[in-house]
Amino acid sequence: TGQRGRNVGYAVVTFYEDDNGWEGHGDTMNLGLGKY
């Protein structure tokens, strides 16, 4: 979720458990910059 203070967050990428999950079905996960 970024560094401290004003550098928090930066970007959100959305991941889906389903193919075409952006259509609204299945669970979603959001991650910011980093390695997981």
PDB file of all heavy atoms in Angstrom:
ATOM      1  N   THR A   1       0.831  -1.200   0.000  1.00  0.00           N
ATOM      2  CA  THR A   1       0.000   0.000   0.000  1.00  0.00           C
ATOM      3  C   THR A   1       0.864   1.248   0.000  1.00  0.00           C
ATOM      4  O   THR A   1       0.447   2.306   0.437  1.00  0.00           O
ATOM      5  CB  THR A   1      -0.957   0.032   1.207  1.00  0.00           C
ATOM      6  OG1 THR A   1      -0.215  -0.215   2.408  1.00  0.00           O
ATOM      7  CG2 THR A   1      -2.039  -1.002   1.061  1.00  0.00           C
ATOM      8  N   GLY A   2       2.072   1.130  -0.499  1.00  0.00           N
ATOM      9  CA  GLY A   2       2.908   2.313  -0.641  1.00  0.00           C
ATOM     10  C   GLY A   2       3.781   2.546   0.574  1.00  0.00           C
ATOM     11  O   GLY A   2       3.903   1.720   1.460  1.00  0.00           O
ATOM     12  N   GLN A   3       4.381   3.700   0.620  1.00  0.00           N
ATOM     13  CA  GLN A   3       5.242   4.068   1.720  1.00  0.00           C
ATOM     14  C   GLN A   3       4.432   4.890   2.715  1.00  0.00           C
ATOM     15  O   GLN A   3       3.217   4.854   2.728  1.00  0.00           O
ATOM     16  CB  GLN A   3       6.443   4.838   1.188  1.00  0.00           C
ATOM     17  CG  GLN A   3       7.246   4.040   0.158  1.00  0.00           C
ATOM     18  CD  GLN A   3       8.323   4.854  -0.496  1.00  0.00           C
ATOM     19  OE1 GLN A   3       8.811   5.836   0.055  1.00  0.00           O
ATOM     20  NE2 GLN A   3       8.713   4.468  -1.695  1.00  0.00           N
ATOM     21  N   ARG A   4       5.086   5.663   3.521  1.00  0.00           N
ATOM     22  CA  ARG A   4       4.376   6.428   4.537  1.00  0.00           C
ATOM     23  C   ARG A   4       3.910   7.768   3.976  1.00  0.00           C
ATOM     24  O   ARG A   4       4.326   8.202   2.914  1.00  0.00           O
ATOM     25  CB  ARG A   4       5.269   6.667   5.749  1.00  0.00           C
ATOM     26  CG  ARG A   4       6.554   7.403   5.419  1.00  0.00           C
ATOM     27  CD  ARG A   4       7.374   7.634   6.644  1.00  0.00           C
ATOM     28  NE  ARG A   4       6.707   8.581   7.539  1.00  0.00           N
ATOM     29  CZ  ARG A   4       7.337   9.272   8.473  1.00  0.00           C
ATOM     30  NH1 ARG A   4       8.625   9.136   8.636  1.00  0.00           N
ATOM     31  NH2 ARG A   4       6.690  10.105   9.231  1.00  0.00           N
ATOM     32  N   GLY A   5       3.015   8.411   4.729  1.00  0.00           N
ATOM     33  CA  GLY A   5       2.617   9.762   4.401  1.00  0.00           C
ATOM     34  C   GLY A   5       2.073   9.938   3.009  1.00  0.00           C
ATOM     35  O   GLY A   5       1.213   9.192   2.573  1.00  0.00           O
ATOM     36  N   ARG A   6       2.602  10.900   2.288  1.00  0.00           N
ATOM     37  CA  ARG A   6       2.019  11.302   1.018  1.00  0.00           C
ATOM     38  C   ARG A   6       2.220  10.264  -0.087  1.00  0.00           C
ATOM     39  O   ARG A   6       1.640  10.378  -1.156  1.00  0.00           O
ATOM     40  CB  ARG A   6       2.567  12.653   0.576  1.00  0.00           C
ATOM     41  CG  ARG A   6       4.052  12.666   0.277  1.00  0.00           C
ATOM     42  CD  ARG A   6       4.505  14.033  -0.222  1.00  0.00           C
ATOM     43  NE  ARG A   6       3.926  14.337  -1.488  1.00  0.00           N
ATOM     44  CZ  ARG A   6       3.461  15.533  -1.836  1.00  0.00           C
ATOM     45  NH1 ARG A   6       3.485  16.506  -0.984  1.00  0.00           N
ATOM     46  NH2 ARG A   6       2.971  15.745  -3.022  1.00  0.00           N
ATOM     47  N   ASN A   7       3.036   9.259   0.133  1.00  0.00           N
ATOM     48  CA  ASN A   7       3.308   8.287  -0.924  1.00  0.00           C
ATOM     49  C   ASN A   7       2.468   7.029  -0.826  1.00  0.00           C
ATOM     50  O   ASN A   7       2.794   6.013  -1.418  1.00  0.00           O
ATOM     51  CB  ASN A   7       4.788   7.896  -0.899  1.00  0.00           C
ATOM     52  CG  ASN A   7       5.678   9.052  -1.274  1.00  0.00           C
ATOM     53  OD1 ASN A   7       5.329   9.826  -2.143  1.00  0.00           O
ATOM     54  ND2 ASN A   7       6.805   9.193  -0.600  1.00  0.00           N
ATOM     55  N   VAL A   8       1.404   7.060  -0.065  1.00  0.00           N
ATOM     56  CA  VAL A   8       0.611   5.849   0.113  1.00  0.00           C
ATOM     57  C   VAL A   8      -0.089   5.438  -1.178  1.00  0.00           C
ATOM     58  O   VAL A   8      -0.556   6.265  -1.938  1.00  0.00           O
ATOM     59  CB  VAL A   8      -0.441   6.034   1.221  1.00  0.00           C
ATOM     60  CG1 VAL A   8      -1.470   7.038   0.822  1.00  0.00           C
ATOM     61  CG2 VAL A   8      -1.112   4.722   1.558  1.00  0.00           C
ATOM     62  N   GLY A   9      -0.118   4.128  -1.420  1.00  0.00           N
ATOM     63  CA  GLY A   9      -1.045   3.573  -2.399  1.00  0.00           C
ATOM     64  C   GLY A   9      -0.601   3.482  -3.831  1.00  0.00           C
ATOM     65  O   GLY A   9      -0.359   2.412  -4.324  1.00  0.00           O
ATOM     66  N   TYR A  10      -0.547   4.577  -4.499  1.00  0.00           N
ATOM     67  CA  TYR A  10      -0.206   4.685  -5.919  1.00  0.00           C
ATOM     68  C   TYR A  10      -1.226   4.089  -6.875  1.00  0.00           C
ATOM     69  O   TYR A  10      -1.868   4.817  -7.595  1.00  0.00           O
ATOM     70  CB  TYR A  10       1.163   4.062  -6.216  1.00  0.00           C
ATOM     71  CG  TYR A  10       2.307   4.767  -5.567  1.00  0.00           C
ATOM     72  CD1 TYR A  10       3.354   4.060  -4.988  1.00  0.00           C
ATOM     73  CD2 TYR A  10       2.351   6.146  -5.511  1.00  0.00           C
ATOM     74  CE1 TYR A  10       4.416   4.702  -4.383  1.00  0.00           C
ATOM     75  CE2 TYR A  10       3.401   6.801  -4.900  1.00  0.00           C
ATOM     76  CZ  TYR A  10       4.434   6.085  -4.339  1.00  0.00           C
ATOM     77  OH  TYR A  10       5.459   6.722  -3.741  1.00  0.00           O
ATOM     78  N   ALA A  11      -1.359   2.775  -6.938  1.00  0.00           N
ATOM     79  CA  ALA A  11      -2.211   2.196  -7.977  1.00  0.00           C
ATOM     80  C   ALA A  11      -2.960   1.003  -7.442  1.00  0.00           C
ATOM     81  O   ALA A  11      -2.506   0.334  -6.529  1.00  0.00           O
ATOM     82  CB  ALA A  11      -1.364   1.763  -9.172  1.00  0.00           C
ATOM     83  N   VAL A  12      -4.099   0.750  -8.013  1.00  0.00           N
ATOM     84  CA  VAL A  12      -4.865  -0.447  -7.655  1.00  0.00           C
ATOM     85  C   VAL A  12      -5.067  -1.281  -8.909  1.00  0.00           C
ATOM     86  O   VAL A  12      -5.550  -0.793  -9.919  1.00  0.00           O
ATOM     87  CB  VAL A  12      -6.231  -0.082  -7.049  1.00  0.00           C
ATOM     88  CG1 VAL A  12      -7.093  -1.329  -6.929  1.00  0.00           C
ATOM     89  CG2 VAL A  12      -6.054   0.549  -5.679  1.00  0.00           C
ATOM     90  N   VAL A  13      -4.667  -2.544  -8.831  1.00  0.00           N
ATOM     91  CA  VAL A  13      -4.927  -3.515  -9.888  1.00  0.00           C
ATOM     92  C   VAL A  13      -5.986  -4.475  -9.354  1.00  0.00           C
ATOM     93  O   VAL A  13      -5.911  -4.927  -8.209  1.00  0.00           O
ATOM     94  CB  VAL A  13      -3.652  -4.282 -10.273  1.00  0.00           C
ATOM     95  CG1 VAL A  13      -3.970  -5.397 -11.265  1.00  0.00           C
ATOM     96  CG2 VAL A  13      -2.614  -3.329 -10.857  1.00  0.00           C
ATOM     97  N   THR A  14      -6.987  -4.770 -10.170  1.00  0.00           N
ATOM     98  CA  THR A  14      -8.059  -5.672  -9.769  1.00  0.00           C
ATOM     99  C   THR A  14      -7.852  -7.040 -10.396  1.00  0.00           C
ATOM    100  O   THR A  14      -7.651  -7.152 -11.611  1.00  0.00           O
ATOM    101  CB  THR A  14      -9.431  -5.113 -10.177  1.00  0.00           C
ATOM    102  OG1 THR A  14      -9.612  -3.826  -9.587  1.00  0.00           O
ATOM    103  CG2 THR A  14     -10.554  -6.030  -9.707  1.00  0.00           C
ATOM    104  N   PHE A  15      -7.893  -8.073  -9.551  1.00  0.00           N
ATOM    105  CA  PHE A  15      -7.750  -9.455 -10.001  1.00  0.00           C
ATOM    106  C   PHE A  15      -9.088 -10.170  -9.804  1.00  0.00           C
ATOM    107  O   PHE A  15      -9.802  -9.916  -8.828  1.00  0.00           O
ATOM    108  CB  PHE A  15      -6.652 -10.161  -9.210  1.00  0.00           C
ATOM    109  CG  PHE A  15      -5.291  -9.547  -9.376  1.00  0.00           C
ATOM    110  CD1 PHE A  15      -4.910  -8.462  -8.602  1.00  0.00           C
ATOM    111  CD2 PHE A  15      -4.399 -10.037 -10.310  1.00  0.00           C
ATOM    112  CE1 PHE A  15      -3.647  -7.874  -8.748  1.00  0.00           C
ATOM    113  CE2 PHE A  15      -3.137  -9.461 -10.475  1.00  0.00           C
ATOM    114  CZ  PHE A  15      -2.767  -8.381  -9.692  1.00  0.00           C
ATOM    115  N   TYR A  16      -9.402 -11.080 -10.711  1.00  0.00           N
ATOM    116  CA  TYR A  16     -10.694 -11.774 -10.687  1.00  0.00           C
ATOM    117  C   TYR A  16     -10.488 -13.277 -10.603  1.00  0.00           C
ATOM    118  O   TYR A  16      -9.572 -13.829 -11.223  1.00  0.00           O
ATOM    119  CB  TYR A  16     -11.492 -11.462 -11.955  1.00  0.00           C
ATOM    120  CG  TYR A  16     -11.627  -9.985 -12.251  1.00  0.00           C
ATOM    121  CD1 TYR A  16     -10.729  -9.357 -13.120  1.00  0.00           C
ATOM    122  CD2 TYR A  16     -12.635  -9.225 -11.682  1.00  0.00           C
ATOM    123  CE1 TYR A  16     -10.837  -8.000 -13.406  1.00  0.00           C
ATOM    124  CE2 TYR A  16     -12.755  -7.869 -11.958  1.00  0.00           C
ATOM    125  CZ  TYR A  16     -11.855  -7.270 -12.821  1.00  0.00           C
ATOM    126  OH  TYR A  16     -11.964  -5.915 -13.102  1.00  0.00           O
ATOM    127  N   GLU A  17     -11.376 -13.945  -9.852  1.00  0.00           N
ATOM    128  CA  GLU A  17     -11.286 -15.406  -9.762  1.00  0.00           C
ATOM    129  C   GLU A  17     -11.948 -16.096 -10.952  1.00  0.00           C
ATOM    130  O   GLU A  17     -11.729 -17.292 -11.171  1.00  0.00           O
ATOM    131  CB  GLU A  17     -11.924 -15.912  -8.471  1.00  0.00           C
ATOM    132  CG  GLU A  17     -13.435 -15.791  -8.410  1.00  0.00           C
ATOM    133  CD  GLU A  17     -14.052 -16.652  -7.318  1.00  0.00           C
ATOM    134  OE1 GLU A  17     -13.339 -17.483  -6.732  1.00  0.00           O
ATOM    135  OE2 GLU A  17     -15.254 -16.479  -7.061  1.00  0.00           O
ATOM    136  N   ASP A  18     -12.759 -15.351 -11.705  1.00  0.00           N
ATOM    137  CA  ASP A  18     -13.447 -15.914 -12.872  1.00  0.00           C
ATOM    138  C   ASP A  18     -12.903 -15.324 -14.163  1.00  0.00           C
ATOM    139  O   ASP A  18     -12.461 -14.157 -14.185  1.00  0.00           O
ATOM    140  CB  ASP A  18     -14.949 -15.603 -12.823  1.00  0.00           C
ATOM    141  CG  ASP A  18     -15.687 -16.391 -11.763  1.00  0.00           C
ATOM    142  OD1 ASP A  18     -15.056 -17.245 -11.112  1.00  0.00           O
ATOM    143  OD2 ASP A  18     -16.898 -16.134 -11.586  1.00  0.00           O
ATOM    144  N   ASP A  19     -12.962 -16.075 -15.242  1.00  0.00           N
ATOM    145  CA  ASP A  19     -12.768 -15.481 -16.560  1.00  0.00           C
ATOM    146  C   ASP A  19     -13.840 -14.417 -16.761  1.00  0.00           C
ATOM    147  O   ASP A  19     -15.005 -14.604 -16.372  1.00  0.00           O
ATOM    148  CB  ASP A  19     -12.897 -16.549 -17.651  1.00  0.00           C
ATOM    149  CG  ASP A  19     -11.740 -17.526 -17.641  1.00  0.00           C
ATOM    150  OD1 ASP A  19     -10.633 -17.140 -17.209  1.00  0.00           O
ATOM    151  OD2 ASP A  19     -11.944 -18.694 -18.040  1.00  0.00           O
ATOM    152  N   ASN A  20     -13.459 -13.281 -17.364  1.00  0.00           N
ATOM    153  CA  ASN A  20     -14.391 -12.168 -17.595  1.00  0.00           C
ATOM    154  C   ASN A  20     -15.033 -11.678 -16.292  1.00  0.00           C
ATOM    155  O   ASN A  20     -16.165 -11.190 -16.272  1.00  0.00           O
ATOM    156  CB  ASN A  20     -15.501 -12.561 -18.581  1.00  0.00           C
ATOM    157  CG  ASN A  20     -14.962 -13.030 -19.911  1.00  0.00           C
ATOM    158  OD1 ASN A  20     -13.996 -12.483 -20.436  1.00  0.00           O
ATOM    159  ND2 ASN A  20     -15.567 -14.068 -20.458  1.00  0.00           N
ATOM    160  N   GLY A  21     -14.307 -11.788 -15.186  1.00  0.00           N
ATOM    161  CA  GLY A  21     -14.847 -11.399 -13.889  1.00  0.00           C
ATOM    162  C   GLY A  21     -15.221  -9.941 -13.789  1.00  0.00           C
ATOM    163  O   GLY A  21     -16.014  -9.547 -12.924  1.00  0.00           O
ATOM    164  N   TRP A  22     -14.660  -9.120 -14.676  1.00  0.00           N
ATOM    165  CA  TRP A  22     -15.005  -7.690 -14.679  1.00  0.00           C
ATOM    166  C   TRP A  22     -16.477  -7.461 -15.033  1.00  0.00           C
ATOM    167  O   TRP A  22     -16.986  -6.354 -14.859  1.00  0.00           O
ATOM    168  CB  TRP A  22     -14.111  -6.934 -15.667  1.00  0.00           C
ATOM    169  CG  TRP A  22     -14.126  -7.489 -17.065  1.00  0.00           C
ATOM    170  CD1 TRP A  22     -15.027  -7.219 -18.045  1.00  0.00           C
ATOM    171  CD2 TRP A  22     -13.200  -8.428 -17.629  1.00  0.00           C
ATOM    172  NE1 TRP A  22     -14.738  -7.906 -19.188  1.00  0.00           N
ATOM    173  CE2 TRP A  22     -13.610  -8.659 -18.975  1.00  0.00           C
ATOM    174  CE3 TRP A  22     -12.073  -9.081 -17.151  1.00  0.00           C
ATOM    175  CZ2 TRP A  22     -12.926  -9.526 -19.818  1.00  0.00           C
ATOM    176  CZ3 TRP A  22     -11.391  -9.937 -17.999  1.00  0.00           C
ATOM    177  CH2 TRP A  22     -11.806 -10.160 -19.311  1.00  0.00           C
ATOM    178  N   GLU A  23     -17.146  -8.493 -15.496  1.00  0.00           N
ATOM    179  CA  GLU A  23     -18.578  -8.367 -15.792  1.00  0.00           C
ATOM    180  C   GLU A  23     -19.428  -8.426 -14.532  1.00  0.00           C
ATOM    181  O   GLU A  23     -20.649  -8.242 -14.593  1.00  0.00           O
ATOM    182  CB  GLU A  23     -19.004  -9.460 -16.766  1.00  0.00           C
ATOM    183  CG  GLU A  23     -18.346  -9.341 -18.135  1.00  0.00           C
ATOM    184  CD  GLU A  23     -18.684 -10.498 -19.053  1.00  0.00           C
ATOM    185  OE1 GLU A  23     -19.263 -11.508 -18.554  1.00  0.00           O
ATOM    186  OE2 GLU A  23     -18.365 -10.428 -20.259  1.00  0.00           O
ATOM    187  N   GLY A  24     -18.794  -8.684 -13.379  1.00  0.00           N
ATOM    188  CA  GLY A  24     -19.517  -8.610 -12.123  1.00  0.00           C
ATOM    189  C   GLY A  24     -19.753  -9.920 -11.405  1.00  0.00           C
ATOM    190  O   GLY A  24     -20.398  -9.941 -10.364  1.00  0.00           O
ATOM    191  N   HIS A  25     -19.212 -11.026 -11.908  1.00  0.00           N
ATOM    192  CA  HIS A  25     -19.411 -12.308 -11.230  1.00  0.00           C
ATOM    193  C   HIS A  25     -18.084 -12.791 -10.641  1.00  0.00           C
ATOM    194  O   HIS A  25     -17.007 -12.473 -11.136  1.00  0.00           O
ATOM    195  CB  HIS A  25     -19.980 -13.359 -12.195  1.00  0.00           C
ATOM    196  CG  HIS A  25     -19.271 -13.451 -13.501  1.00  0.00           C
ATOM    197  ND1 HIS A  25     -18.094 -14.148 -13.669  1.00  0.00           N
ATOM    198  CD2 HIS A  25     -19.556 -12.898 -14.716  1.00  0.00           C
ATOM    199  CE1 HIS A  25     -17.692 -14.046 -14.922  1.00  0.00           C
ATOM    200  NE2 HIS A  25     -18.556 -13.288 -15.591  1.00  0.00           N
ATOM    201  N   GLY A  26     -18.185 -13.541  -9.565  1.00  0.00           N
ATOM    202  CA  GLY A  26     -16.996 -14.044  -8.901  1.00  0.00           C
ATOM    203  C   GLY A  26     -16.370 -13.034  -7.967  1.00  0.00           C
ATOM    204  O   GLY A  26     -16.707 -11.850  -7.968  1.00  0.00           O
ATOM    205  N   ASP A  27     -15.430 -13.490  -7.140  1.00  0.00           N
ATOM    206  CA  ASP A  27     -14.747 -12.620  -6.182  1.00  0.00           C
ATOM    207  C   ASP A  27     -13.682 -11.782  -6.876  1.00  0.00           C
ATOM    208  O   ASP A  27     -13.177 -12.145  -7.953  1.00  0.00           O
ATOM    209  CB  ASP A  27     -14.101 -13.457  -5.080  1.00  0.00           C
ATOM    210  CG  ASP A  27     -15.125 -14.065  -4.135  1.00  0.00           C
ATOM    211  OD1 ASP A  27     -16.252 -13.531  -4.081  1.00  0.00           O
ATOM    212  OD2 ASP A  27     -14.799 -15.063  -3.469  1.00  0.00           O
ATOM    213  N   THR A  28     -13.336 -10.665  -6.239  1.00  0.00           N
ATOM    214  CA  THR A  28     -12.274  -9.798  -6.744  1.00  0.00           C
ATOM    215  C   THR A  28     -11.265  -9.522  -5.640  1.00  0.00           C
ATOM    216  O   THR A  28     -11.569  -9.596  -4.453  1.00  0.00           O
ATOM    217  CB  THR A  28     -12.827  -8.462  -7.261  1.00  0.00           C
ATOM    218  OG1 THR A  28     -13.451  -7.751  -6.175  1.00  0.00           O
ATOM    219  CG2 THR A  28     -13.837  -8.675  -8.369  1.00  0.00           C
ATOM    220  N   MET A  29     -10.061  -9.200  -6.044  1.00  0.00           N
ATOM    221  CA  MET A  29      -8.984  -8.825  -5.130  1.00  0.00           C
ATOM    222  C   MET A  29      -8.302  -7.591  -5.701  1.00  0.00           C
ATOM    223  O   MET A  29      -8.086  -7.497  -6.913  1.00  0.00           O
ATOM    224  CB  MET A  29      -7.982  -9.977  -4.997  1.00  0.00           C
ATOM    225  CG  MET A  29      -6.690  -9.600  -4.274  1.00  0.00           C
ATOM    226  SD  MET A  29      -5.510 -10.977  -4.151  1.00  0.00           S
ATOM    227  CE  MET A  29      -5.039 -11.221  -5.886  1.00  0.00           C
ATOM    228  N   ASN A  30      -7.958  -6.628  -4.843  1.00  0.00           N
ATOM    229  CA  ASN A  30      -7.278  -5.414  -5.283  1.00  0.00           C
ATOM    230  C   ASN A  30      -5.922  -5.310  -4.610  1.00  0.00           C
ATOM    231  O   ASN A  30      -5.812  -5.458  -3.390  1.00  0.00           O
ATOM    232  CB  ASN A  30      -8.113  -4.187  -4.960  1.00  0.00           C
ATOM    233  CG  ASN A  30      -9.390  -4.143  -5.748  1.00  0.00           C
ATOM    234  OD1 ASN A  30      -9.400  -3.768  -6.910  1.00  0.00           O
ATOM    235  ND2 ASN A  30     -10.485  -4.573  -5.128  1.00  0.00           N
ATOM    236  N   LEU A  31      -4.885  -5.065  -5.406  1.00  0.00           N
ATOM    237  CA  LEU A  31      -3.532  -4.929  -4.882  1.00  0.00           C
ATOM    238  C   LEU A  31      -2.905  -3.639  -5.389  1.00  0.00           C
ATOM    239  O   LEU A  31      -3.132  -3.229  -6.525  1.00  0.00           O
ATOM    240  CB  LEU A  31      -2.663  -6.107  -5.323  1.00  0.00           C
ATOM    241  CG  LEU A  31      -3.059  -7.510  -4.844  1.00  0.00           C
ATOM    242  CD1 LEU A  31      -2.116  -8.550  -5.434  1.00  0.00           C
ATOM    243  CD2 LEU A  31      -3.065  -7.589  -3.325  1.00  0.00           C
ATOM    244  N   GLY A  32      -2.090  -3.016  -4.540  1.00  0.00           N
ATOM    245  CA  GLY A  32      -1.299  -1.862  -4.937  1.00  0.00           C
ATOM    246  C   GLY A  32       0.101  -2.298  -5.335  1.00  0.00           C
ATOM    247  O   GLY A  32       0.397  -3.498  -5.481  1.00  0.00           O
ATOM    248  N   LEU A  33       0.996  -1.334  -5.509  1.00  0.00           N
ATOM    249  CA  LEU A  33       2.359  -1.653  -5.914  1.00  0.00           C
ATOM    250  C   LEU A  33       3.026  -2.567  -4.895  1.00  0.00           C
ATOM    251  O   LEU A  33       2.856  -2.406  -3.686  1.00  0.00           O
ATOM    252  CB  LEU A  33       3.183  -0.375  -6.046  1.00  0.00           C
ATOM    253  CG  LEU A  33       2.741   0.631  -7.103  1.00  0.00           C
ATOM    254  CD1 LEU A  33       3.674   1.828  -7.093  1.00  0.00           C
ATOM    255  CD2 LEU A  33       2.699  -0.006  -8.474  1.00  0.00           C
ATOM    256  N   GLY A  34       3.775  -3.540  -5.381  1.00  0.00           N
ATOM    257  CA  GLY A  34       4.486  -4.434  -4.487  1.00  0.00           C
ATOM    258  C   GLY A  34       4.601  -5.828  -5.047  1.00  0.00           C
ATOM    259  O   GLY A  34       4.110  -6.140  -6.140  1.00  0.00           O
ATOM    260  N   LYS A  35       5.277  -6.689  -4.291  1.00  0.00           N
ATOM    261  CA  LYS A  35       5.425  -8.097  -4.655  1.00  0.00           C
ATOM    262  C   LYS A  35       4.689  -8.955  -3.631  1.00  0.00           C
ATOM    263  O   LYS A  35       4.811  -8.735  -2.414  1.00  0.00           O
ATOM    264  CB  LYS A  35       6.898  -8.495  -4.708  1.00  0.00           C
ATOM    265  CG  LYS A  35       7.647  -7.924  -5.912  1.00  0.00           C
ATOM    266  CD  LYS A  35       9.056  -8.520  -5.999  1.00  0.00           C
ATOM    267  CE  LYS A  35       9.755  -8.112  -7.285  1.00  0.00           C
ATOM    268  NZ  LYS A  35      11.088  -8.752  -7.417  1.00  0.00           N
ATOM    269  N   TYR A  36       3.955  -9.943  -4.116  1.00  0.00           N
ATOM    270  CA  TYR A  36       3.120 -10.788  -3.270  1.00  0.00           C
ATOM    271  C   TYR A  36       3.375 -12.247  -3.609  1.00  0.00           C
ATOM    272  O   TYR A  36       3.418 -12.621  -4.791  1.00  0.00           O
ATOM    273  CB  TYR A  36       1.639 -10.478  -3.495  1.00  0.00           C
ATOM    274  CG  TYR A  36       1.306  -9.008  -3.432  1.00  0.00           C
ATOM    275  CD1 TYR A  36       1.495  -8.191  -4.542  1.00  0.00           C
ATOM    276  CD2 TYR A  36       0.808  -8.442  -2.264  1.00  0.00           C
ATOM    277  CE1 TYR A  36       1.200  -6.842  -4.485  1.00  0.00           C
ATOM    278  CE2 TYR A  36       0.509  -7.092  -2.196  1.00  0.00           C
ATOM    279  CZ  TYR A  36       0.708  -6.296  -3.310  1.00  0.00           C
ATOM    280  OH  TYR A  36       0.414  -4.959  -3.252  1.00  0.00           O
TER     281      TYR A  36
END
